[in-house]
Protein backbone atom coordinates (compact mmCIF):
# COMPACT_ATOMS: atom_id res chain seq x y z
CA MET A 1 -12.39 -20.45 132.51
CA ALA A 2 -14.22 -17.28 131.61
CA ALA A 3 -14.17 -16.19 135.24
CA SER A 4 -10.45 -16.90 135.45
CA ASP A 5 -9.80 -14.85 132.30
CA ASN A 6 -11.84 -11.96 133.68
CA GLY A 7 -9.85 -12.11 136.92
CA ASP A 8 -6.52 -12.04 135.08
CA GLU A 9 -7.71 -9.16 132.92
CA LYS A 10 -8.81 -7.23 136.01
CA SER A 11 -5.46 -7.88 137.68
CA ASP A 12 -3.61 -6.63 134.60
CA MET A 13 -5.74 -3.49 134.54
CA GLU A 14 -5.02 -2.82 138.20
CA GLU A 15 -1.29 -3.20 137.62
CA GLN A 16 -1.42 -0.86 134.63
CA GLU A 17 -3.43 1.63 136.66
CA GLU A 18 -0.91 1.53 139.53
CA ALA A 19 1.95 1.97 137.08
CA LEU A 20 0.25 4.95 135.45
CA VAL A 21 -0.50 6.54 138.84
CA ALA A 22 3.14 6.13 139.86
CA LEU A 23 4.28 7.56 136.53
CA ILE A 24 1.94 10.55 136.94
CA GLU A 25 3.33 11.24 140.43
CA HIS A 26 6.87 11.03 139.13
CA ARG A 27 6.21 13.36 136.19
CA THR A 28 4.27 15.76 138.40
CA LYS A 29 7.31 16.10 140.66
CA GLU A 30 9.49 16.50 137.59
CA VAL A 31 7.26 19.30 136.26
CA GLU A 32 7.30 21.06 139.65
CA HIS A 33 11.05 20.76 139.78
CA LEU A 34 11.45 22.23 136.28
CA ARG A 35 9.03 25.06 137.05
CA MET A 36 11.07 25.88 140.11
CA ARG A 37 14.23 25.97 138.05
CA VAL A 38 12.58 28.14 135.37
CA ALA A 39 11.47 30.64 138.02
CA TYR A 40 14.95 30.65 139.51
CA TYR A 41 16.66 31.30 136.17
CA GLU A 42 14.12 33.98 135.27
CA SER A 43 15.02 35.85 138.45
CA GLU A 44 18.72 35.34 137.70
CA LEU A 45 18.18 36.68 134.17
CA GLN A 46 16.45 39.79 135.46
CA GLU A 47 19.25 40.42 137.94
CA SER A 48 21.92 39.89 135.26
CA GLU A 49 20.14 42.25 132.85
CA LYS A 50 19.97 44.86 135.59
CA LYS A 51 23.70 44.52 136.29
CA LEU A 52 24.44 44.70 132.56
CA LYS A 53 22.54 47.96 132.19
CA GLU A 54 24.30 49.42 135.24
CA THR A 55 27.68 48.45 133.82
CA GLN A 56 26.83 49.88 130.39
CA GLY A 57 25.77 53.11 132.06
CA GLN A 58 29.03 53.29 134.01
CA LEU A 59 30.99 52.73 130.82
CA ALA A 60 29.06 55.47 128.99
CA ARG A 61 29.62 57.95 131.83
CA LEU A 62 33.29 57.06 132.00
CA ARG A 63 33.81 57.53 128.26
CA SER A 64 32.02 60.85 128.35
CA ARG A 65 34.47 62.10 131.00
CA ASN A 66 37.75 61.06 129.47
CA CYS A 67 38.25 58.33 126.91
CA ALA A 68 42.06 58.45 126.62
CA PRO A 69 42.99 57.38 130.20
CA PHE A 70 40.51 54.52 130.02
CA THR A 71 42.09 53.26 126.78
CA ARG A 72 45.55 53.36 128.30
CA LEU A 73 44.34 51.58 131.43
CA ILE A 74 42.66 48.77 129.45
CA GLY A 75 45.83 48.26 127.42
CA LYS A 76 47.85 48.09 130.62
CA SER A 77 45.40 45.63 132.19
CA ILE A 78 45.67 43.34 129.17
CA ARG A 79 49.47 43.29 129.39
CA VAL A 80 49.39 42.58 133.13
CA LYS A 81 46.81 39.80 132.69
CA GLU A 82 49.02 38.20 130.01
CA GLU A 83 52.00 38.27 132.37
CA ILE A 84 49.93 36.68 135.15
CA SER A 85 48.59 33.93 132.89
CA SER A 86 52.16 32.93 132.00
CA SER A 87 53.43 32.92 135.60
CA PRO A 88 53.91 29.62 137.49
CA LEU A 89 51.69 30.80 140.36
CA LYS A 90 48.67 31.27 138.11
CA ILE A 91 49.12 27.84 136.58
CA THR A 92 49.33 26.30 140.02
CA LYS A 93 46.13 27.96 141.17
CA ASP A 94 44.23 26.91 138.08
CA SER A 95 45.28 23.29 138.58
CA PHE A 96 44.38 23.63 142.26
CA TYR A 97 40.91 25.09 141.98
CA ASN A 98 39.92 23.82 138.46
CA LEU A 99 37.73 26.83 137.88
CA SER A 100 34.99 26.71 135.26
CA ASP A 101 34.44 29.22 132.47
CA GLU A 102 31.88 30.98 134.64
CA SER A 103 34.51 31.50 137.34
CA SER A 104 36.87 33.04 134.78
CA GLU A 105 34.14 35.38 133.63
CA SER A 106 33.36 36.48 137.19
CA SER A 107 37.07 37.05 137.86
CA SER A 108 37.28 39.20 134.70
CA ASP A 109 34.26 41.25 135.82
CA SER A 110 35.81 41.76 139.26
CA TYR A 111 39.07 42.81 137.61
CA GLN A 112 37.36 45.39 135.38
CA LYS A 113 35.46 46.82 138.35
CA THR A 114 38.77 47.25 140.21
CA CYS A 115 40.23 49.10 137.19
CA LEU A 116 37.23 51.44 137.01
CA LYS A 117 37.37 52.17 140.73
CA THR A 118 41.09 52.93 140.57
CA LEU A 119 40.64 55.27 137.59
CA LYS A 120 38.04 57.31 139.45
CA THR A 121 40.13 57.78 142.60
CA LYS A 122 43.60 58.52 141.14
CA PRO A 123 44.74 60.35 138.00
CA LYS A 124 47.65 57.94 137.52
CA PRO A 125 46.31 54.62 138.75
CA LEU A 126 48.33 51.71 139.99
CA LEU A 127 46.84 48.46 138.79
CA VAL A 128 45.89 46.16 141.69
CA ILE A 129 44.92 42.55 141.15
CA PRO A 130 43.15 41.20 144.26
CA GLY A 131 44.23 37.91 145.74
CA MET A 132 47.35 37.29 143.64
CA ASN A 133 49.89 38.79 146.04
CA PRO A 134 48.22 38.95 149.45
CA LYS A 135 49.94 40.83 152.19
CA VAL A 136 51.91 38.62 154.49
CA SER A 137 51.46 39.33 158.16
CA PRO A 138 54.60 39.88 160.23
CA PRO A 139 55.99 36.65 161.67
CA LEU A 140 54.49 35.82 165.05
CA LYS A 141 56.88 35.35 167.89
CA THR A 142 56.99 31.69 168.89
CA THR A 143 56.64 30.84 172.57
CA GLU A 144 57.46 27.60 174.29
CA TYR A 145 54.82 25.51 175.99
CA ASP A 146 55.21 24.89 179.69
CA LYS A 147 52.61 22.47 181.05
CA SER A 148 52.59 23.65 184.67
CA SER A 149 52.34 27.29 183.66
CA SER A 150 49.56 26.64 181.15
CA GLU A 151 47.45 24.81 183.71
CA ARG A 152 47.54 27.88 185.94
CA LYS A 153 47.29 30.61 183.35
CA GLY A 154 45.88 29.14 180.14
CA LEU A 155 47.57 30.89 177.24
CA VAL A 156 51.35 30.46 177.22
CA LYS A 157 52.98 33.71 176.21
CA GLU A 158 55.59 36.21 177.35
CA LYS A 159 54.60 39.20 179.41
CA GLY A 160 53.12 41.91 177.24
CA PHE A 161 53.09 39.71 174.13
CA GLY A 162 49.83 39.55 172.17
CA LEU A 163 49.28 36.90 169.53
CA LEU A 164 47.44 39.26 167.21
CA PRO A 165 48.22 42.95 167.94
CA LYS A 166 45.45 45.41 167.10
CA GLN A 167 47.25 46.84 164.09
CA GLU A 168 47.89 43.38 162.66
CA THR A 169 44.33 42.35 163.46
CA ALA A 170 42.98 45.29 161.50
CA LYS A 171 45.02 44.24 158.48
CA SER A 172 43.92 40.64 158.90
CA GLN A 173 40.29 41.67 159.15
CA THR A 174 40.59 43.71 155.97
CA ARG A 175 42.09 40.77 154.10
CA GLY A 176 39.59 38.37 155.65
CA THR A 177 36.58 40.52 154.76
CA LYS A 178 37.81 40.76 151.19
CA ARG A 179 38.26 36.99 150.89
CA LYS A 180 34.90 36.32 152.54
CA TYR A 181 33.16 38.61 150.04
CA GLU A 182 34.80 36.87 147.12
CA GLU A 183 34.03 33.38 148.39
CA ASN A 184 30.47 34.19 149.34
CA GLU A 185 29.49 35.40 145.86
CA ASN A 186 26.72 32.98 144.97
CA LYS A 187 27.27 30.70 142.00
CA ASP A 188 24.89 28.08 140.64
CA LEU A 189 26.72 24.75 140.62
CA SER A 190 23.64 22.55 140.26
CA GLN A 191 24.03 22.24 136.49
CA MET A 192 27.56 20.89 136.95
CA ILE A 193 26.63 18.04 139.32
CA CYS A 194 27.09 14.61 137.71
CA SER A 195 27.93 16.32 134.41
CA ARG A 196 31.12 14.36 133.69
CA SER A 197 31.83 10.69 133.16
CA SER A 198 35.40 11.10 134.41
CA PRO A 199 36.67 13.13 137.37
CA CYS A 200 39.07 16.05 137.35
CA THR A 201 42.03 14.96 139.47
CA ILE A 202 44.68 17.06 141.16
CA ASN A 203 48.33 16.31 141.83
CA CYS A 204 48.95 16.21 145.57
CA ASP A 205 52.36 15.79 147.14
CA THR A 206 52.90 15.39 150.88
CA SER A 207 55.58 17.96 151.55
CA ASN A 208 55.94 17.55 155.29
CA HIS A 209 54.65 15.86 158.44
CA ILE A 210 55.16 17.80 161.66
CA PRO A 211 54.55 16.60 165.25
CA SER A 212 51.29 18.00 166.57
CA GLN A 213 52.77 18.63 170.06
CA HIS A 214 49.63 17.01 171.52
CA LYS A 215 49.87 14.17 174.05
CA ARG A 216 46.58 12.54 173.04
CA LYS A 217 44.55 12.10 169.83
CA LEU A 218 43.64 15.20 167.87
CA ARG A 219 40.02 16.28 167.71
CA SER A 220 39.72 19.50 165.64
CA LEU A 221 41.46 21.45 162.88
CA VAL A 222 40.31 24.97 161.94
CA LEU A 223 41.97 27.50 159.61
CA CYS A 224 41.88 31.18 160.53
CA PRO A 225 39.25 33.01 158.42
CA THR A 226 41.26 36.27 158.22
CA ASN A 227 44.95 35.39 158.42
CA ASP A 228 46.22 32.96 155.79
CA GLN A 229 49.16 31.95 157.95
CA LEU A 230 47.29 30.68 161.02
CA PHE A 231 45.39 27.54 162.01
CA VAL A 232 44.56 25.80 165.29
CA THR A 233 44.38 22.21 166.45
CA SER A 234 42.74 20.76 169.56
CA ALA A 235 43.06 17.33 171.13
CA LEU A 236 41.90 15.08 173.94
CA ASP A 237 44.66 16.50 176.15
CA GLY A 238 42.63 19.74 176.39
CA ILE A 239 45.32 21.83 174.69
CA VAL A 240 44.58 24.22 171.80
CA ASN A 241 47.67 24.84 169.66
CA LEU A 242 48.04 27.87 167.41
CA TRP A 243 50.19 27.30 164.31
CA GLN A 244 51.78 29.59 161.74
CA ILE A 245 52.34 28.35 158.18
CA GLN A 246 55.83 29.02 156.82
CA ASP A 247 57.38 29.06 153.32
CA ARG A 248 54.06 28.89 151.45
CA GLY A 249 53.00 25.69 153.14
CA SER A 250 56.22 23.72 153.34
CA HIS A 251 56.34 23.95 157.15
CA ALA A 252 54.42 25.23 160.19
CA ASN A 253 55.67 26.57 163.52
CA LEU A 254 53.93 26.28 166.89
CA VAL A 255 53.06 29.79 168.09
CA SER A 256 51.29 29.06 171.37
CA ALA A 257 49.67 26.31 173.42
CA THR A 258 46.60 26.99 175.55
CA ASN A 259 45.20 24.80 178.29
CA SER A 260 41.47 24.88 177.49
CA THR A 261 40.14 22.13 179.77
CA SER A 262 36.78 22.88 181.40
CA LEU A 263 36.65 24.15 184.97
CA LYS A 264 34.90 21.27 186.76
CA GLN A 265 35.39 18.03 184.86
CA ARG A 266 38.63 19.10 183.16
CA ARG A 267 37.18 18.00 179.82
CA TRP A 268 38.71 18.77 176.43
CA PRO A 269 36.94 20.90 173.79
CA GLU A 270 34.55 18.72 171.82
CA ASP A 271 34.55 21.16 168.91
CA VAL A 272 35.97 24.61 168.13
CA ALA A 273 35.00 27.44 165.77
CA TRP A 274 37.03 30.51 164.85
CA HIS A 275 35.24 33.86 165.08
CA PRO A 276 34.82 35.30 161.54
CA ASN A 277 36.88 38.36 162.47
CA GLY A 278 39.78 36.12 163.51
CA SER A 279 40.04 37.57 167.03
CA SER A 280 38.85 34.65 169.15
CA LEU A 281 38.08 30.95 169.27
CA ILE A 282 34.86 29.36 170.58
CA SER A 283 35.14 25.96 172.29
CA VAL A 284 32.23 23.73 173.35
CA TYR A 285 32.23 21.05 176.06
CA SER A 286 29.62 19.03 177.97
CA ALA A 287 26.41 19.82 179.85
CA ASP A 288 26.89 17.10 182.50
CA CYS A 289 27.48 17.97 186.16
CA GLN A 290 26.77 21.66 185.46
CA ASP A 291 30.18 21.95 183.83
CA SER A 292 31.20 24.91 181.66
CA GLN A 293 29.60 24.64 178.22
CA ILE A 294 31.24 27.47 176.24
CA ALA A 295 34.75 28.94 176.44
CA ILE A 296 36.19 31.99 174.64
CA LEU A 297 39.90 32.09 173.83
CA ASN A 298 40.74 35.67 172.85
CA PHE A 299 43.92 35.92 170.78
CA ASN A 300 44.10 39.73 171.03
CA GLN A 301 44.44 40.01 174.79
CA ARG A 302 47.79 41.19 176.09
CA GLU A 303 47.10 40.85 179.79
CA GLU A 304 47.83 37.45 181.31
CA GLU A 305 44.63 37.40 183.35
CA ASN A 306 42.50 37.56 180.16
CA GLU A 307 43.06 34.16 178.58
CA VAL A 308 40.35 31.49 178.49
CA ILE A 309 36.96 32.84 179.57
CA PHE A 310 34.15 30.40 180.40
CA LEU A 311 30.58 31.64 179.96
CA ASP A 312 28.12 31.35 182.83
CA ASP A 313 25.09 30.42 180.69
CA LYS A 314 24.32 26.68 180.44
CA PRO A 315 21.36 26.23 178.05
CA HIS A 316 22.11 22.59 177.15
CA LEU A 317 20.67 20.10 179.64
CA LYS A 318 22.83 16.99 179.41
CA GLY A 319 25.46 15.13 177.43
CA ILE A 320 28.06 16.34 174.97
CA ILE A 321 27.78 19.50 172.89
CA ASN A 322 28.72 17.97 169.57
CA ASN A 323 29.10 20.90 167.20
CA VAL A 324 29.54 24.68 167.04
CA MET A 325 29.30 26.78 163.89
CA PHE A 326 29.17 30.52 163.12
CA MET A 327 26.34 31.62 160.84
CA PRO A 328 27.25 33.02 157.40
CA TRP A 329 24.78 35.93 157.50
CA ASP A 330 26.07 37.46 160.76
CA ASP A 331 29.52 37.48 162.36
CA ASN A 332 27.96 37.93 165.78
CA CYS A 333 26.04 34.69 166.18
CA PHE A 334 26.83 30.98 166.34
CA ILE A 335 24.83 27.78 166.80
CA THR A 336 25.46 24.77 169.05
CA GLY A 337 23.89 21.32 168.86
CA GLY A 338 24.02 18.75 171.62
CA SER A 339 23.12 15.33 172.92
CA ASP A 340 20.08 16.81 174.70
CA HIS A 341 18.38 17.08 171.25
CA GLY A 342 18.73 20.87 171.54
CA VAL A 343 19.82 23.54 169.05
CA VAL A 344 20.88 26.84 170.68
CA HIS A 345 21.39 30.22 169.01
CA TRP A 346 24.07 32.44 170.62
CA THR A 347 24.26 36.18 169.87
CA GLN A 348 27.01 38.58 170.85
CA LYS A 349 25.97 41.23 173.36
CA HIS A 350 28.89 43.49 174.33
CA GLY A 351 32.41 42.64 173.24
CA ASP A 352 33.93 39.35 172.18
CA ASP A 353 33.40 37.68 175.56
CA SER A 354 29.68 38.31 176.11
CA TRP A 355 27.13 36.02 174.44
CA LYS A 356 23.41 35.43 175.01
CA PRO A 357 21.87 31.99 174.32
CA LYS A 358 18.39 31.33 172.95
CA LEU A 359 16.94 27.83 172.55
CA LEU A 360 15.65 27.31 169.01
CA HIS A 361 14.20 23.84 169.53
CA ARG A 362 14.63 20.71 171.64
CA ASN A 363 11.60 18.64 170.59
CA ILE A 364 12.09 18.33 166.83
CA HIS A 365 14.96 15.86 167.01
CA SER A 366 14.37 12.63 168.93
CA SER A 367 18.08 11.92 169.44
CA SER A 368 21.45 13.68 169.63
CA VAL A 369 22.01 16.65 167.34
CA MET A 370 25.33 15.83 165.69
CA GLY A 371 25.81 18.79 163.33
CA VAL A 372 24.59 22.36 162.78
CA ALA A 373 25.12 24.93 160.00
CA GLY A 374 23.56 28.01 158.43
CA MET A 375 22.26 28.53 154.88
CA GLN A 376 23.23 31.93 153.54
CA GLN A 377 20.42 32.64 151.05
CA LYS A 378 17.99 32.92 153.97
CA GLN A 379 18.35 32.71 157.72
CA THR A 380 17.83 28.96 157.99
CA VAL A 381 19.62 26.88 160.63
CA LEU A 382 20.28 23.32 159.48
CA SER A 383 20.60 20.56 162.06
CA VAL A 384 21.18 16.82 161.58
CA GLY A 385 20.93 14.10 164.17
CA ALA A 386 21.38 10.50 165.11
CA ASP A 387 17.59 10.19 164.61
CA LYS A 388 18.29 10.29 160.82
CA ARG A 389 16.54 13.66 160.46
CA ILE A 390 17.61 16.78 158.55
CA ILE A 391 15.86 19.92 159.81
CA GLY A 392 15.91 23.45 158.38
CA PHE A 393 14.69 25.96 161.00
CA ASP A 394 13.63 29.43 159.76
CA LEU A 395 14.71 32.10 162.26
CA HIS A 396 12.11 34.59 160.99
CA THR A 397 9.07 32.36 161.38
CA GLU A 398 10.67 30.38 164.25
CA LYS A 399 9.51 27.07 162.83
CA PRO A 400 10.93 24.36 160.54
CA ASP A 401 10.54 24.98 156.79
CA TYR A 402 12.63 21.99 155.67
CA LYS A 403 12.26 18.41 156.94
CA HIS A 404 13.78 15.26 155.54
CA GLN A 405 14.59 11.84 156.95
CA ILE A 406 16.98 9.29 155.49
CA GLU A 407 17.66 5.64 156.28
CA SER A 408 20.87 6.22 158.25
CA LYS A 409 21.99 8.38 161.16
CA CYS A 410 23.43 11.79 160.28
CA MET A 411 26.73 12.88 161.79
CA SER A 412 27.52 16.30 160.27
CA VAL A 413 26.28 18.92 157.82
CA LEU A 414 28.36 21.29 155.69
CA PRO A 415 27.01 24.00 153.31
CA ASN A 416 28.70 24.55 149.97
CA PRO A 417 30.86 27.71 150.04
CA ARG A 418 29.88 28.87 146.53
CA ASP A 419 26.31 27.66 145.92
CA TYR A 420 24.04 28.86 148.72
CA ASN A 421 21.45 26.15 148.02
CA LEU A 422 23.70 23.09 148.29
CA PHE A 423 24.72 21.29 151.46
CA MET A 424 26.37 17.97 152.29
CA VAL A 425 25.36 15.55 155.03
CA GLN A 426 27.63 12.84 156.41
CA THR A 427 25.81 9.57 157.17
CA GLY A 428 26.62 6.22 158.72
CA THR A 429 26.03 4.12 155.61
CA PRO A 430 29.21 2.42 154.29
CA GLN A 431 30.10 3.41 150.71
CA ARG A 432 27.33 6.05 150.86
CA GLN A 433 28.78 8.24 153.58
CA LEU A 434 28.19 11.62 151.92
CA ARG A 435 24.87 12.91 150.55
CA LEU A 436 24.41 16.12 148.55
CA PHE A 437 21.13 18.07 148.86
CA ASP A 438 19.56 21.20 147.37
CA ILE A 439 17.46 23.01 149.97
CA ARG A 440 15.03 24.13 147.23
CA LEU A 441 14.16 20.49 146.46
CA LYS A 442 12.23 18.90 149.29
CA HIS A 443 12.95 15.27 150.13
CA THR A 444 15.34 14.93 147.21
CA GLU A 445 18.94 13.71 147.26
CA ILE A 446 20.80 14.97 144.19
CA HIS A 447 24.07 13.05 144.57
CA GLU A 448 25.84 10.66 146.91
CA PHE A 449 29.47 9.69 147.52
CA GLY A 450 31.24 7.06 149.54
CA TRP A 451 34.25 4.91 150.06
CA LYS A 452 35.05 1.41 151.23
CA GLN A 453 36.87 1.20 154.53
CA GLU A 454 39.52 -1.44 154.88
CA SER A 455 40.14 -1.30 158.62
CA SER A 456 36.59 -0.96 159.97
CA MET A 457 32.96 -0.87 158.83
CA SER A 458 31.84 1.51 161.59
CA GLN A 459 31.47 5.20 160.74
CA SER A 460 32.89 7.78 163.14
CA ALA A 461 31.52 11.27 163.71
CA LEU A 462 35.13 12.36 164.28
CA ILE A 463 35.83 11.87 160.57
CA SER A 464 35.18 15.32 159.08
CA GLN A 465 34.75 16.73 155.60
CA ALA A 466 35.80 20.01 154.00
CA TRP A 467 34.78 21.86 150.82
CA SER A 468 37.32 23.31 148.40
CA PRO A 469 37.03 27.12 148.03
CA ASP A 470 35.43 26.74 144.58
CA GLY A 471 32.76 24.35 145.91
CA LEU A 472 33.57 21.61 143.39
CA TYR A 473 35.57 19.23 145.58
CA LEU A 474 35.08 17.57 148.95
CA THR A 475 37.80 16.06 151.08
CA SER A 476 37.13 13.47 153.76
CA GLY A 477 39.21 11.65 156.27
CA SER A 478 38.64 7.96 156.91
CA ALA A 479 39.31 5.14 159.34
CA ASP A 480 42.25 4.31 157.07
CA PRO A 481 45.40 6.46 156.69
CA VAL A 482 43.91 7.91 153.50
CA ILE A 483 42.46 11.21 152.30
CA HIS A 484 39.55 10.82 149.88
CA ILE A 485 38.75 13.57 147.35
CA PHE A 486 35.34 13.78 145.66
CA ASP A 487 34.43 15.78 142.55
CA ILE A 488 30.73 16.72 142.50
CA ARG A 489 30.86 16.82 138.68
CA PHE A 490 31.81 13.12 138.57
CA ASN A 491 28.70 11.00 137.89
CA ALA A 492 29.81 8.18 140.20
CA ASN A 493 29.64 7.72 143.94
CA GLN A 494 33.28 6.71 144.38
CA PRO A 495 36.16 9.07 145.21
CA SER A 496 37.68 10.88 142.27
CA GLN A 497 41.03 10.06 143.89
CA SER A 498 42.51 8.84 147.18
CA PHE A 499 46.04 9.00 148.51
CA LYS A 500 47.82 7.79 151.61
CA ALA A 501 48.57 10.75 153.87
CA HIS A 502 49.38 9.37 157.35
CA GLN A 503 50.27 6.23 159.27
CA LYS A 504 46.88 5.96 161.04
CA ARG A 505 43.32 7.15 160.50
CA VAL A 506 42.81 10.65 159.11
CA PHE A 507 40.36 12.86 160.97
CA LYS A 508 40.21 15.83 158.59
CA ALA A 509 41.88 17.41 155.56
CA ALA A 510 41.13 21.14 155.16
CA TRP A 511 41.67 23.20 152.00
CA HIS A 512 43.74 26.34 152.46
CA HIS A 513 41.96 29.57 151.51
CA SER A 514 44.61 30.91 149.12
CA LEU A 515 47.60 28.56 148.96
CA PRO A 516 47.55 25.31 146.91
CA LEU A 517 47.65 23.31 150.13
CA LEU A 518 45.78 20.68 152.14
CA VAL A 519 46.27 20.55 155.92
CA SER A 520 45.37 17.27 157.66
CA ILE A 521 45.33 15.79 161.17
CA SER A 522 45.56 12.13 162.13
CA SER A 523 45.51 9.79 165.11
CA ASP A 524 49.23 9.26 164.48
CA LEU A 525 49.60 12.64 166.31
CA SER A 526 51.00 14.44 163.28
CA ILE A 527 49.90 17.31 161.05
CA GLY A 528 50.21 16.76 157.31
CA LEU A 529 51.00 19.55 154.83
CA HIS A 530 50.13 18.40 151.30
CA ARG A 531 51.10 20.65 148.39
CA ILE A 532 48.89 20.84 145.32
CA THR A 533 51.13 20.90 142.25
């Protein structure tokens, strides 16, 4: 009996020891995490103090020059801001983006900087509020699509007609650069994740469904980064359609249709990405049978012989090229990921139609690379694959500095547009399809979302996600005719809301850059325009 009691006592001690060791490991990680956050906020505090001193210095210099004009300008700005806050458009945008107090403060700072800049340049300034009344580009002339002509020539357009004339392109680039600067201002959203027990919902009304003009199922939807009126769709018929939004999102007109099938196999674009300057569209295909892998559709060309240009370089070895994405730190480079396990970095050489490929890696992933993206705080290329791996590749050191593996295959990756450290990964696990990560926290998942599919349990890589411009919401298509919306502040893994948007499965629902609008595509061959009210 004594021996038995000693054995039980020893077993209890071992269990207690294991529990304490596990607790120590957990608290060690917690301490490291908190130290990391303290260091981060200390650096943020120093930067904020520096900006505060600079602003105080500017104010002192301005008052020393002339105090009276500044007083009049501030009074005028207050009156204009009061008028804006009472207008229906401002209310609509607030309900659309659900901005936090920090966003309001940053908008106020930006507004004051604009006032100061205007005062310095003109004796009688005109108050300009960025983003409230964006310039509307002249209506694009709509052309009809003729199948036989498009197969021979590519872009369907009248002789001498350019989709985006140089003068209009310059204006679009100016507006696009301004919006990109505003959206890319880093904001820490990590404190807001899982901070609410109930979600913030939005009122969404489907205003119109328009025929996509495609003969087969749609594959891609991309909004123009510089012109708020334009977006493109591509489909399995190999056609890329350019659309123009009308009447603040109540309708869209077809501007052009381009036959973009590859030269040898006549394959459709697997994925498309719009150049950040809005001038061209990159399409990716397949590496089988030495077919064309990359095509450039230049929207600024006026000559009929300059339409779809296929690049000669073929760095991918086999299979489909699954994803293409421009990098946020440089307008002149994009990344492709393919079924050959390879990730390729393309840089622009001379002009829009000349690109040079460089293989980043082909041996890190053991299966198809399904998604690629870039993290803006440092030149890190993220790639996710069917091998369940998430890889962050540092372009400076040319080696991985982030590695993580989950229990399910990964099908896409999407960085947050406002917080440079956050990114979302789509997985194949039902009811846990979306995972949220912070690149500063190794091997740590900070939130997960999912939905229950009624029509099928299988997860499709064709179902895409999109971030809202404020980085607080995610939209996802589904195998059902439903759009799911997720609020990262909601401390639950279910959608904050879902609504029926089409008759068949929804592939993607993209947030418009400036209008309170969602644009969606579906296998019912229609495009949905959903107004946020």
